[in-house]
Amino acid sequence: MSTRLDLAFAALSDPTRRAILTMLLEDDMAVTDVAEPFEMSLAAISKHLTILTRAGLISQEKRGRVKWCKLEPDALREASVWMQGFGQFEPVNLDAFERFLKVELGDDDA
């Protein structure tokens, strides 16, 4: 358990990786689309994606010639539970959070 938490918090410590996770809240994205808004090489973005993948925060799959990234929101559940143990954080209802995001992002399927 400790190793997974360490990997998750290490991945979340970088602002570029947090921005990537935020982008993936909306939908799966091709690696090239993930890289587009950042002023860094595709190789640098790939390193960030590898860290997020190792932490279990995203998954990557190849569809044809394109590599796609997908957010794995359940990976944050363990970190959330760990933080709740300190009693300083309100429990996070991930289902309610998902509904909130759908409304905020204008998803008509909500």
PDB file of N, CA and C in Angstrom:
ATOM      1  N   MET A   1       0.833  -1.191   0.000  1.00  0.00           N
ATOM      2  CA  MET A   1       0.000   0.000   0.000  1.00  0.00           C
ATOM      3  C   MET A   1       0.878   1.255   0.000  1.00  0.00           C
ATOM      4  N   SER A   2       1.898   1.276   0.800  1.00  0.00           N
ATOM      5  CA  SER A   2       2.750   2.456   0.915  1.00  0.00           C
ATOM      6  C   SER A   2       3.391   2.823  -0.420  1.00  0.00           C
ATOM      7  N   THR A   3       3.835   1.822  -1.169  1.00  0.00           N
ATOM      8  CA  THR A   3       4.467   2.096  -2.460  1.00  0.00           C
ATOM      9  C   THR A   3       3.487   2.756  -3.416  1.00  0.00           C
ATOM     10  N   ARG A   4       2.242   2.269  -3.453  1.00  0.00           N
ATOM     11  CA  ARG A   4       1.231   2.874  -4.340  1.00  0.00           C
ATOM     12  C   ARG A   4       0.963   4.320  -3.937  1.00  0.00           C
ATOM     13  N   LEU A   5       0.849   4.562  -2.643  1.00  0.00           N
ATOM     14  CA  LEU A   5       0.641   5.937  -2.186  1.00  0.00           C
ATOM     15  C   LEU A   5       1.827   6.817  -2.542  1.00  0.00           C
ATOM     16  N   ASP A   6       3.033   6.302  -2.322  1.00  0.00           N
ATOM     17  CA  ASP A   6       4.238   7.064  -2.661  1.00  0.00           C
ATOM     18  C   ASP A   6       4.245   7.443  -4.134  1.00  0.00           C
ATOM     19  N   LEU A   7       3.919   6.476  -4.990  1.00  0.00           N
ATOM     20  CA  LEU A   7       3.891   6.738  -6.433  1.00  0.00           C
ATOM     21  C   LEU A   7       2.816   7.763  -6.785  1.00  0.00           C
ATOM     22  N   ALA A   8       1.643   7.642  -6.168  1.00  0.00           N
ATOM     23  CA  ALA A   8       0.553   8.584  -6.462  1.00  0.00           C
ATOM     24  C   ALA A   8       0.924   9.996  -6.036  1.00  0.00           C
ATOM     25  N   PHE A   9       1.415  10.143  -4.805  1.00  0.00           N
ATOM     26  CA  PHE A   9       1.754  11.486  -4.337  1.00  0.00           C
ATOM     27  C   PHE A   9       2.953  12.067  -5.088  1.00  0.00           C
ATOM     28  N   ALA A  10       3.914  11.235  -5.446  1.00  0.00           N
ATOM     29  CA  ALA A  10       5.047  11.725  -6.250  1.00  0.00           C
ATOM     30  C   ALA A  10       4.562  12.205  -7.611  1.00  0.00           C
ATOM     31  N   ALA A  11       3.644  11.447  -8.219  1.00  0.00           N
ATOM     32  CA  ALA A  11       3.106  11.854  -9.522  1.00  0.00           C
ATOM     33  C   ALA A  11       2.327  13.160  -9.404  1.00  0.00           C
ATOM     34  N   LEU A  12       1.573  13.306  -8.325  1.00  0.00           N
ATOM     35  CA  LEU A  12       0.768  14.513  -8.138  1.00  0.00           C
ATOM     36  C   LEU A  12       1.579  15.732  -7.732  1.00  0.00           C
ATOM     37  N   SER A  13       2.834  15.534  -7.371  1.00  0.00           N
ATOM     38  CA  SER A  13       3.652  16.657  -6.898  1.00  0.00           C
ATOM     39  C   SER A  13       4.066  17.613  -8.011  1.00  0.00           C
ATOM     40  N   ASP A  14       3.928  17.192  -9.254  1.00  0.00           N
ATOM     41  CA  ASP A  14       4.379  18.011 -10.382  1.00  0.00           C
ATOM     42  C   ASP A  14       3.191  18.737 -11.034  1.00  0.00           C
ATOM     43  N   PRO A  15       3.290  20.052 -11.239  1.00  0.00           N
ATOM     44  CA  PRO A  15       2.179  20.803 -11.831  1.00  0.00           C
ATOM     45  C   PRO A  15       1.829  20.380 -13.266  1.00  0.00           C
ATOM     46  N   THR A  16       2.812  19.949 -14.029  1.00  0.00           N
ATOM     47  CA  THR A  16       2.516  19.486 -15.396  1.00  0.00           C
ATOM     48  C   THR A  16       1.660  18.232 -15.339  1.00  0.00           C
ATOM     49  N   ARG A  17       2.005  17.310 -14.450  1.00  0.00           N
ATOM     50  CA  ARG A  17       1.228  16.073 -14.336  1.00  0.00           C
ATOM     51  C   ARG A  17      -0.177  16.350 -13.813  1.00  0.00           C
ATOM     52  N   ARG A  18      -0.305  17.290 -12.881  1.00  0.00           N
ATOM     53  CA  ARG A  18      -1.651  17.653 -12.402  1.00  0.00           C
ATOM     54  C   ARG A  18      -2.464  18.263 -13.537  1.00  0.00           C
ATOM     55  N   ALA A  19      -1.830  19.076 -14.369  1.00  0.00           N
ATOM     56  CA  ALA A  19      -2.530  19.671 -15.516  1.00  0.00           C
ATOM     57  C   ALA A  19      -2.975  18.588 -16.497  1.00  0.00           C
ATOM     58  N   ILE A  20      -2.130  17.597 -16.712  1.00  0.00           N
ATOM     59  CA  ILE A  20      -2.492  16.493 -17.607  1.00  0.00           C
ATOM     60  C   ILE A  20      -3.708  15.754 -17.055  1.00  0.00           C
ATOM     61  N   LEU A  21      -3.719  15.473 -15.765  1.00  0.00           N
ATOM     62  CA  LEU A  21      -4.871  14.793 -15.157  1.00  0.00           C
ATOM     63  C   LEU A  21      -6.139  15.616 -15.334  1.00  0.00           C
ATOM     64  N   THR A  22      -6.026  16.917 -15.175  1.00  0.00           N
ATOM     65  CA  THR A  22      -7.183  17.794 -15.355  1.00  0.00           C
ATOM     66  C   THR A  22      -7.694  17.722 -16.787  1.00  0.00           C
ATOM     67  N   MET A  23      -6.786  17.702 -17.745  1.00  0.00           N
ATOM     68  CA  MET A  23      -7.179  17.596 -19.154  1.00  0.00           C
ATOM     69  C   MET A  23      -7.908  16.278 -19.412  1.00  0.00           C
ATOM     70  N   LEU A  24      -7.441  15.212 -18.782  1.00  0.00           N
ATOM     71  CA  LEU A  24      -8.023  13.895 -19.016  1.00  0.00           C
ATOM     72  C   LEU A  24      -9.360  13.699 -18.301  1.00  0.00           C
ATOM     73  N   LEU A  25      -9.738  14.656 -17.448  1.00  0.00           N
ATOM     74  CA  LEU A  25     -11.071  14.603 -16.831  1.00  0.00           C
ATOM     75  C   LEU A  25     -12.160  14.661 -17.890  1.00  0.00           C
ATOM     76  N   GLU A  26     -11.890  15.395 -18.964  1.00  0.00           N
ATOM     77  CA  GLU A  26     -12.897  15.596 -20.003  1.00  0.00           C
ATOM     78  C   GLU A  26     -13.089  14.372 -20.876  1.00  0.00           C
ATOM     79  N   ASP A  27     -11.987  13.717 -21.278  1.00  0.00           N
ATOM     80  CA  ASP A  27     -12.094  12.570 -22.177  1.00  0.00           C
ATOM     81  C   ASP A  27     -10.713  11.964 -22.370  1.00  0.00           C
ATOM     82  N   ASP A  28     -10.680  10.774 -22.956  1.00  0.00           N
ATOM     83  CA  ASP A  28      -9.413  10.172 -23.356  1.00  0.00           C
ATOM     84  C   ASP A  28      -8.768  11.089 -24.392  1.00  0.00           C
ATOM     85  N   MET A  29      -7.447  11.094 -24.415  1.00  0.00           N
ATOM     86  CA  MET A  29      -6.735  11.956 -25.355  1.00  0.00           C
ATOM     87  C   MET A  29      -5.549  11.225 -25.947  1.00  0.00           C
ATOM     88  N   ALA A  30      -5.255  11.526 -27.199  1.00  0.00           N
ATOM     89  CA  ALA A  30      -4.041  11.036 -27.827  1.00  0.00           C
ATOM     90  C   ALA A  30      -2.851  11.752 -27.186  1.00  0.00           C
ATOM     91  N   VAL A  31      -1.727  11.074 -27.127  1.00  0.00           N
ATOM     92  CA  VAL A  31      -0.520  11.652 -26.519  1.00  0.00           C
ATOM     93  C   VAL A  31      -0.167  12.981 -27.171  1.00  0.00           C
ATOM     94  N   THR A  32      -0.286  13.067 -28.481  1.00  0.00           N
ATOM     95  CA  THR A  32       0.056  14.322 -29.163  1.00  0.00           C
ATOM     96  C   THR A  32      -0.872  15.460 -28.745  1.00  0.00           C
ATOM     97  N   ASP A  33      -2.145  15.146 -28.473  1.00  0.00           N
ATOM     98  CA  ASP A  33      -3.086  16.168 -28.007  1.00  0.00           C
ATOM     99  C   ASP A  33      -2.775  16.583 -26.573  1.00  0.00           C
ATOM    100  N   VAL A  34      -2.341  15.627 -25.757  1.00  0.00           N
ATOM    101  CA  VAL A  34      -1.934  15.953 -24.386  1.00  0.00           C
ATOM    102  C   VAL A  34      -0.746  16.908 -24.422  1.00  0.00           C
ATOM    103  N   ALA A  35       0.184  16.673 -25.323  1.00  0.00           N
ATOM    104  CA  ALA A  35       1.414  17.472 -25.392  1.00  0.00           C
ATOM    105  C   ALA A  35       1.186  18.876 -25.925  1.00  0.00           C
ATOM    106  N   GLU A  36       0.150  19.062 -26.727  1.00  0.00           N
ATOM    107  CA  GLU A  36      -0.058  20.324 -27.454  1.00  0.00           C
ATOM    108  C   GLU A  36       0.026  21.595 -26.608  1.00  0.00           C
ATOM    109  N   PRO A  37      -0.659  21.688 -25.465  1.00  0.00           N
ATOM    110  CA  PRO A  37      -0.628  22.966 -24.739  1.00  0.00           C
ATOM    111  C   PRO A  37       0.665  23.245 -23.970  1.00  0.00           C
ATOM    112  N   PHE A  38       1.567  22.290 -23.920  1.00  0.00           N
ATOM    113  CA  PHE A  38       2.787  22.459 -23.126  1.00  0.00           C
ATOM    114  C   PHE A  38       3.962  22.857 -24.013  1.00  0.00           C
ATOM    115  N   GLU A  39       4.805  23.705 -23.470  1.00  0.00           N
ATOM    116  CA  GLU A  39       5.993  24.140 -24.194  1.00  0.00           C
ATOM    117  C   GLU A  39       7.159  23.236 -23.815  1.00  0.00           C
ATOM    118  N   MET A  40       7.030  21.961 -24.197  1.00  0.00           N
ATOM    119  CA  MET A  40       8.101  20.997 -23.959  1.00  0.00           C
ATOM    120  C   MET A  40       8.023  19.935 -25.042  1.00  0.00           C
ATOM    121  N   SER A  41       9.073  19.162 -25.145  1.00  0.00           N
ATOM    122  CA  SER A  41       9.145  18.157 -26.197  1.00  0.00           C
ATOM    123  C   SER A  41       8.163  17.014 -25.939  1.00  0.00           C
ATOM    124  N   LEU A  42       7.869  16.276 -26.988  1.00  0.00           N
ATOM    125  CA  LEU A  42       7.023  15.099 -26.859  1.00  0.00           C
ATOM    126  C   LEU A  42       7.685  14.067 -25.947  1.00  0.00           C
ATOM    127  N   ALA A  43       9.013  13.994 -26.004  1.00  0.00           N
ATOM    128  CA  ALA A  43       9.750  13.073 -25.130  1.00  0.00           C
ATOM    129  C   ALA A  43       9.556  13.443 -23.653  1.00  0.00           C
ATOM    130  N   ALA A  44       9.550  14.731 -23.348  1.00  0.00           N
ATOM    131  CA  ALA A  44       9.343  15.177 -21.965  1.00  0.00           C
ATOM    132  C   ALA A  44       7.927  14.846 -21.501  1.00  0.00           C
ATOM    133  N   ILE A  45       6.949  15.074 -22.368  1.00  0.00           N
ATOM    134  CA  ILE A  45       5.563  14.726 -22.024  1.00  0.00           C
ATOM    135  C   ILE A  45       5.448  13.224 -21.817  1.00  0.00           C
ATOM    136  N   SER A  46       6.109  12.445 -22.650  1.00  0.00           N
ATOM    137  CA  SER A  46       6.075  10.989 -22.513  1.00  0.00           C
ATOM    138  C   SER A  46       6.619  10.541 -21.160  1.00  0.00           C
ATOM    139  N   LYS A  47       7.645  11.227 -20.664  1.00  0.00           N
ATOM    140  CA  LYS A  47       8.180  10.904 -19.334  1.00  0.00           C
ATOM    141  C   LYS A  47       7.136  11.181 -18.253  1.00  0.00           C
ATOM    142  N   HIS A  48       6.439  12.307 -18.375  1.00  0.00           N
ATOM    143  CA  HIS A  48       5.367  12.615 -17.410  1.00  0.00           C
ATOM    144  C   HIS A  48       4.273  11.551 -17.476  1.00  0.00           C
ATOM    145  N   LEU A  49       3.909  11.150 -18.687  1.00  0.00           N
ATOM    146  CA  LEU A  49       2.868  10.139 -18.849  1.00  0.00           C
ATOM    147  C   LEU A  49       3.295   8.790 -18.277  1.00  0.00           C
ATOM    148  N   THR A  50       4.560   8.466 -18.404  1.00  0.00           N
ATOM    149  CA  THR A  50       5.077   7.220 -17.829  1.00  0.00           C
ATOM    150  C   THR A  50       4.953   7.234 -16.308  1.00  0.00           C
ATOM    151  N   ILE A  51       5.268   8.354 -15.696  1.00  0.00           N
ATOM    152  CA  ILE A  51       5.151   8.481 -14.236  1.00  0.00           C
ATOM    153  C   ILE A  51       3.695   8.343 -13.811  1.00  0.00           C
ATOM    154  N   LEU A  52       2.786   8.995 -14.535  1.00  0.00           N
ATOM    155  CA  LEU A  52       1.359   8.885 -14.213  1.00  0.00           C
ATOM    156  C   LEU A  52       0.860   7.456 -14.405  1.00  0.00           C
ATOM    157  N   THR A  53       1.357   6.784 -15.420  1.00  0.00           N
ATOM    158  CA  THR A  53       0.957   5.398 -15.683  1.00  0.00           C
ATOM    159  C   THR A  53       1.479   4.473 -14.592  1.00  0.00           C
ATOM    160  N   ARG A  54       2.732   4.619 -14.211  1.00  0.00           N
ATOM    161  CA  ARG A  54       3.308   3.785 -13.144  1.00  0.00           C
ATOM    162  C   ARG A  54       2.569   3.971 -11.822  1.00  0.00           C
ATOM    163  N   ALA A  55       2.084   5.184 -11.603  1.00  0.00           N
ATOM    164  CA  ALA A  55       1.320   5.463 -10.380  1.00  0.00           C
ATOM    165  C   ALA A  55      -0.109   4.939 -10.478  1.00  0.00           C
ATOM    166  N   GLY A  56      -0.510   4.493 -11.667  1.00  0.00           N
ATOM    167  CA  GLY A  56      -1.862   3.984 -11.858  1.00  0.00           C
ATOM    168  C   GLY A  56      -2.907   5.070 -12.044  1.00  0.00           C
ATOM    169  N   LEU A  57      -2.469   6.317 -12.178  1.00  0.00           N
ATOM    170  CA  LEU A  57      -3.407   7.436 -12.306  1.00  0.00           C
ATOM    171  C   LEU A  57      -3.990   7.540 -13.716  1.00  0.00           C
ATOM    172  N   ILE A  58      -3.247   7.028 -14.691  1.00  0.00           N
ATOM    173  CA  ILE A  58      -3.752   6.968 -16.066  1.00  0.00           C
ATOM    174  C   ILE A  58      -3.411   5.598 -16.640  1.00  0.00           C
ATOM    175  N   SER A  59      -4.070   5.262 -17.718  1.00  0.00           N
ATOM    176  CA  SER A  59      -3.682   4.086 -18.496  1.00  0.00           C
ATOM    177  C   SER A  59      -3.417   4.566 -19.917  1.00  0.00           C
ATOM    178  N   GLN A  60      -2.602   3.809 -20.619  1.00  0.00           N
ATOM    179  CA  GLN A  60      -2.293   4.134 -22.010  1.00  0.00           C
ATOM    180  C   GLN A  60      -2.536   2.890 -22.856  1.00  0.00           C
ATOM    181  N   GLU A  61      -3.100   3.113 -24.024  1.00  0.00           N
ATOM    182  CA  GLU A  61      -3.298   2.004 -24.952  1.00  0.00           C
ATOM    183  C   GLU A  61      -3.085   2.507 -26.368  1.00  0.00           C
ATOM    184  N   LYS A  62      -2.609   1.601 -27.184  1.00  0.00           N
ATOM    185  CA  LYS A  62      -2.369   1.932 -28.580  1.00  0.00           C
ATOM    186  C   LYS A  62      -3.598   1.534 -29.384  1.00  0.00           C
ATOM    187  N   ARG A  63      -4.149   2.483 -30.122  1.00  0.00           N
ATOM    188  CA  ARG A  63      -5.276   2.244 -31.027  1.00  0.00           C
ATOM    189  C   ARG A  63      -4.783   2.580 -32.428  1.00  0.00           C
ATOM    190  N   GLY A  64      -4.515   1.552 -33.192  1.00  0.00           N
ATOM    191  CA  GLY A  64      -3.913   1.781 -34.503  1.00  0.00           C
ATOM    192  C   GLY A  64      -2.504   2.298 -34.308  1.00  0.00           C
ATOM    193  N   ARG A  65      -2.232   3.455 -34.873  1.00  0.00           N
ATOM    194  CA  ARG A  65      -0.898   4.048 -34.762  1.00  0.00           C
ATOM    195  C   ARG A  65      -0.827   5.104 -33.670  1.00  0.00           C
ATOM    196  N   VAL A  66      -1.935   5.317 -32.977  1.00  0.00           N
ATOM    197  CA  VAL A  66      -2.017   6.407 -32.002  1.00  0.00           C
ATOM    198  C   VAL A  66      -2.066   5.846 -30.584  1.00  0.00           C
ATOM    199  N   LYS A  67      -1.278   6.424 -29.699  1.00  0.00           N
ATOM    200  CA  LYS A  67      -1.289   6.046 -28.294  1.00  0.00           C
ATOM    201  C   LYS A  67      -2.244   6.987 -27.551  1.00  0.00           C
ATOM    202  N   TRP A  68      -3.194   6.402 -26.821  1.00  0.00           N
ATOM    203  CA  TRP A  68      -4.218   7.157 -26.099  1.00  0.00           C
ATOM    204  C   TRP A  68      -4.001   7.067 -24.597  1.00  0.00           C
ATOM    205  N   CYS A  69      -4.392   8.123 -23.903  1.00  0.00           N
ATOM    206  CA  CYS A  69      -4.301   8.187 -22.451  1.00  0.00           C
ATOM    207  C   CYS A  69      -5.704   8.292 -21.874  1.00  0.00           C
ATOM    208  N   LYS A  70      -5.915   7.591 -20.766  1.00  0.00           N
ATOM    209  CA  LYS A  70      -7.219   7.589 -20.101  1.00  0.00           C
ATOM    210  C   LYS A  70      -7.006   7.771 -18.607  1.00  0.00           C
ATOM    211  N   LEU A  71      -7.788   8.647 -18.004  1.00  0.00           N
ATOM    212  CA  LEU A  71      -7.748   8.863 -16.566  1.00  0.00           C
ATOM    213  C   LEU A  71      -8.276   7.630 -15.848  1.00  0.00           C
ATOM    214  N   GLU A  72      -7.622   7.254 -14.768  1.00  0.00           N
ATOM    215  CA  GLU A  72      -8.070   6.145 -13.918  1.00  0.00           C
ATOM    216  C   GLU A  72      -8.419   6.727 -12.546  1.00  0.00           C
ATOM    217  N   PRO A  73      -9.636   7.301 -12.408  1.00  0.00           N
ATOM    218  CA  PRO A  73      -9.980   8.037 -11.189  1.00  0.00           C
ATOM    219  C   PRO A  73      -9.985   7.180  -9.922  1.00  0.00           C
ATOM    220  N   ASP A  74     -10.220   5.885 -10.031  1.00  0.00           N
ATOM    221  CA  ASP A  74     -10.222   5.052  -8.828  1.00  0.00           C
ATOM    222  C   ASP A  74      -8.850   4.986  -8.178  1.00  0.00           C
ATOM    223  N   ALA A  75      -7.797   5.279  -8.923  1.00  0.00           N
ATOM    224  CA  ALA A  75      -6.452   5.254  -8.367  1.00  0.00           C
ATOM    225  C   ALA A  75      -6.284   6.323  -7.283  1.00  0.00           C
ATOM    226  N   LEU A  76      -7.074   7.379  -7.342  1.00  0.00           N
ATOM    227  CA  LEU A  76      -6.990   8.430  -6.331  1.00  0.00           C
ATOM    228  C   LEU A  76      -7.765   8.083  -5.065  1.00  0.00           C
ATOM    229  N   ARG A  77      -8.577   7.054  -5.128  1.00  0.00           N
ATOM    230  CA  ARG A  77      -9.404   6.659  -3.977  1.00  0.00           C
ATOM    231  C   ARG A  77      -8.537   6.328  -2.767  1.00  0.00           C
ATOM    232  N   GLU A  78      -7.471   5.558  -2.969  1.00  0.00           N
ATOM    233  CA  GLU A  78      -6.599   5.169  -1.857  1.00  0.00           C
ATOM    234  C   GLU A  78      -5.955   6.394  -1.206  1.00  0.00           C
ATOM    235  N   ALA A  79      -5.507   7.344  -2.019  1.00  0.00           N
ATOM    236  CA  ALA A  79      -4.916   8.569  -1.479  1.00  0.00           C
ATOM    237  C   ALA A  79      -5.962   9.364  -0.711  1.00  0.00           C
ATOM    238  N   SER A  80      -7.175   9.405  -1.224  1.00  0.00           N
ATOM    239  CA  SER A  80      -8.258  10.115  -0.549  1.00  0.00           C
ATOM    240  C   SER A  80      -8.564   9.484   0.803  1.00  0.00           C
ATOM    241  N   VAL A  81      -8.635   8.162   0.833  1.00  0.00           N
ATOM    242  CA  VAL A  81      -8.903   7.446   2.091  1.00  0.00           C
ATOM    243  C   VAL A  81      -7.780   7.707   3.087  1.00  0.00           C
ATOM    244  N   TRP A  82      -6.544   7.702   2.610  1.00  0.00           N
ATOM    245  CA  TRP A  82      -5.402   7.956   3.485  1.00  0.00           C
ATOM    246  C   TRP A  82      -5.489   9.352   4.099  1.00  0.00           C
ATOM    247  N   MET A  83      -5.830  10.358   3.290  1.00  0.00           N
ATOM    248  CA  MET A  83      -5.937  11.736   3.795  1.00  0.00           C
ATOM    249  C   MET A  83      -7.080  11.878   4.787  1.00  0.00           C
ATOM    250  N   GLN A  84      -8.174  11.163   4.555  1.00  0.00           N
ATOM    251  CA  GLN A  84      -9.310  11.230   5.467  1.00  0.00           C
ATOM    252  C   GLN A  84      -8.937  10.732   6.857  1.00  0.00           C
ATOM    253  N   GLY A  85      -7.946   9.861   6.934  1.00  0.00           N
ATOM    254  CA  GLY A  85      -7.497   9.332   8.218  1.00  0.00           C
ATOM    255  C   GLY A  85      -6.978  10.399   9.154  1.00  0.00           C
ATOM    256  N   PHE A  86      -6.621  11.533   8.629  1.00  0.00           N
ATOM    257  CA  PHE A  86      -6.138  12.617   9.474  1.00  0.00           C
ATOM    258  C   PHE A  86      -7.272  13.433  10.069  1.00  0.00           C
ATOM    259  N   GLY A  87      -8.497  13.205   9.608  1.00  0.00           N
ATOM    260  CA  GLY A  87      -9.656  13.888  10.163  1.00  0.00           C
ATOM    261  C   GLY A  87      -9.766  15.342   9.770  1.00  0.00           C
ATOM    262  N   GLN A  88      -8.843  15.833   8.989  1.00  0.00           N
ATOM    263  CA  GLN A  88      -8.886  17.235   8.582  1.00  0.00           C
ATOM    264  C   GLN A  88      -9.576  17.411   7.243  1.00  0.00           C
ATOM    265  N   PHE A  89      -9.885  16.311   6.605  1.00  0.00           N
ATOM    266  CA  PHE A  89     -10.467  16.366   5.280  1.00  0.00           C
ATOM    267  C   PHE A  89     -11.843  15.729   5.304  1.00  0.00           C
ATOM    268  N   GLU A  90     -12.756  16.354   4.635  1.00  0.00           N
ATOM    269  CA  GLU A  90     -14.085  15.775   4.489  1.00  0.00           C
ATOM    270  C   GLU A  90     -14.000  14.560   3.579  1.00  0.00           C
ATOM    271  N   PRO A  91     -14.803  13.547   3.832  1.00  0.00           N
ATOM    272  CA  PRO A  91     -14.816  12.397   2.918  1.00  0.00           C
ATOM    273  C   PRO A  91     -15.195  12.844   1.515  1.00  0.00           C
ATOM    274  N   VAL A  92     -14.551  12.273   0.546  1.00  0.00           N
ATOM    275  CA  VAL A  92     -14.804  12.618  -0.850  1.00  0.00           C
ATOM    276  C   VAL A  92     -15.774  11.595  -1.426  1.00  0.00           C
ATOM    277  N   ASN A  93     -16.919  12.079  -1.875  1.00  0.00           N
ATOM    278  CA  ASN A  93     -17.884  11.210  -2.549  1.00  0.00           C
ATOM    279  C   ASN A  93     -17.553  11.291  -4.038  1.00  0.00           C
ATOM    280  N   LEU A  94     -16.869  10.259  -4.545  1.00  0.00           N
ATOM    281  CA  LEU A  94     -16.394  10.306  -5.921  1.00  0.00           C
ATOM    282  C   LEU A  94     -17.538  10.308  -6.926  1.00  0.00           C
ATOM    283  N   ASP A  95     -18.652   9.662  -6.598  1.00  0.00           N
ATOM    284  CA  ASP A  95     -19.802   9.683  -7.507  1.00  0.00           C
ATOM    285  C   ASP A  95     -20.372  11.098  -7.621  1.00  0.00           C
ATOM    286  N   ALA A  96     -20.487  11.776  -6.484  1.00  0.00           N
ATOM    287  CA  ALA A  96     -20.986  13.154  -6.497  1.00  0.00           C
ATOM    288  C   ALA A  96     -20.002  14.065  -7.231  1.00  0.00           C
ATOM    289  N   PHE A  97     -18.712  13.813  -7.042  1.00  0.00           N
ATOM    290  CA  PHE A  97     -17.694  14.602  -7.725  1.00  0.00           C
ATOM    291  C   PHE A  97     -17.791  14.412  -9.236  1.00  0.00           C
ATOM    292  N   GLU A  98     -18.018  13.177  -9.664  1.00  0.00           N
ATOM    293  CA  GLU A  98     -18.171  12.910 -11.093  1.00  0.00           C
ATOM    294  C   GLU A  98     -19.396  13.620 -11.657  1.00  0.00           C
ATOM    295  N   ARG A  99     -20.513  13.604 -10.924  1.00  0.00           N
ATOM    296  CA  ARG A  99     -21.715  14.318 -11.376  1.00  0.00           C
ATOM    297  C   ARG A  99     -21.442  15.823 -11.470  1.00  0.00           C
ATOM    298  N   PHE A 100     -20.736  16.363 -10.488  1.00  0.00           N
ATOM    299  CA  PHE A 100     -20.381  17.778 -10.492  1.00  0.00           C
ATOM    300  C   PHE A 100     -19.556  18.121 -11.734  1.00  0.00           C
ATOM    301  N   LEU A 101     -18.570  17.279 -12.033  1.00  0.00           N
ATOM    302  CA  LEU A 101     -17.721  17.532 -13.196  1.00  0.00           C
ATOM    303  C   LEU A 101     -18.518  17.491 -14.488  1.00  0.00           C
ATOM    304  N   LYS A 102     -19.438  16.557 -14.588  1.00  0.00           N
ATOM    305  CA  LYS A 102     -20.263  16.466 -15.795  1.00  0.00           C
ATOM    306  C   LYS A 102     -21.080  17.738 -15.983  1.00  0.00           C
ATOM    307  N   VAL A 103     -21.628  18.258 -14.897  1.00  0.00           N
ATOM    308  CA  VAL A 103     -22.407  19.497 -14.980  1.00  0.00           C
ATOM    309  C   VAL A 103     -21.488  20.658 -15.362  1.00  0.00           C
ATOM    310  N   GLU A 104     -20.344  20.750 -14.698  1.00  0.00           N
ATOM    311  CA  GLU A 104     -19.408  21.857 -14.952  1.00  0.00           C
ATOM    312  C   GLU A 104     -18.848  21.815 -16.371  1.00  0.00           C
ATOM    313  N   LEU A 105     -18.649  20.600 -16.882  1.00  0.00           N
ATOM    314  CA  LEU A 105     -18.081  20.457 -18.221  1.00  0.00           C
ATOM    315  C   LEU A 105     -19.148  20.459 -19.302  1.00  0.00           C
ATOM    316  N   GLY A 106     -20.415  20.551 -18.882  1.00  0.00           N
ATOM    317  CA  GLY A 106     -21.493  20.638 -19.851  1.00  0.00           C
ATOM    318  C   GLY A 106     -21.820  19.325 -20.525  1.00  0.00           C
ATOM    319  N   ASP A 107     -21.578  18.207 -19.844  1.00  0.00           N
ATOM    320  CA  ASP A 107     -21.874  16.886 -20.401  1.00  0.00           C
ATOM    321  C   ASP A 107     -23.377  16.651 -20.324  1.00  0.00           C
ATOM    322  N   ASP A 108     -24.021  16.505 -21.470  1.00  0.00           N
ATOM    323  CA  ASP A 108     -25.478  16.346 -21.530  1.00  0.00           C
ATOM    324  C   ASP A 108     -25.954  14.994 -21.000  1.00  0.00           C
ATOM    325  N   ASP A 109     -25.050  14.038 -20.836  1.00  0.00           N
ATOM    326  CA  ASP A 109     -25.425  12.704 -20.364  1.00  0.00           C
ATOM    327  C   ASP A 109     -25.565  12.640 -18.852  1.00  0.00           C
ATOM    328  N   ALA A 110     -25.288  13.743 -18.150  1.00  0.00           N
ATOM    329  CA  ALA A 110     -25.315  13.739 -16.686  1.00  0.00           C
ATOM    330  C   ALA A 110     -26.699  13.541 -16.142  1.00  0.00           C
TER     331      ALA A 110
END
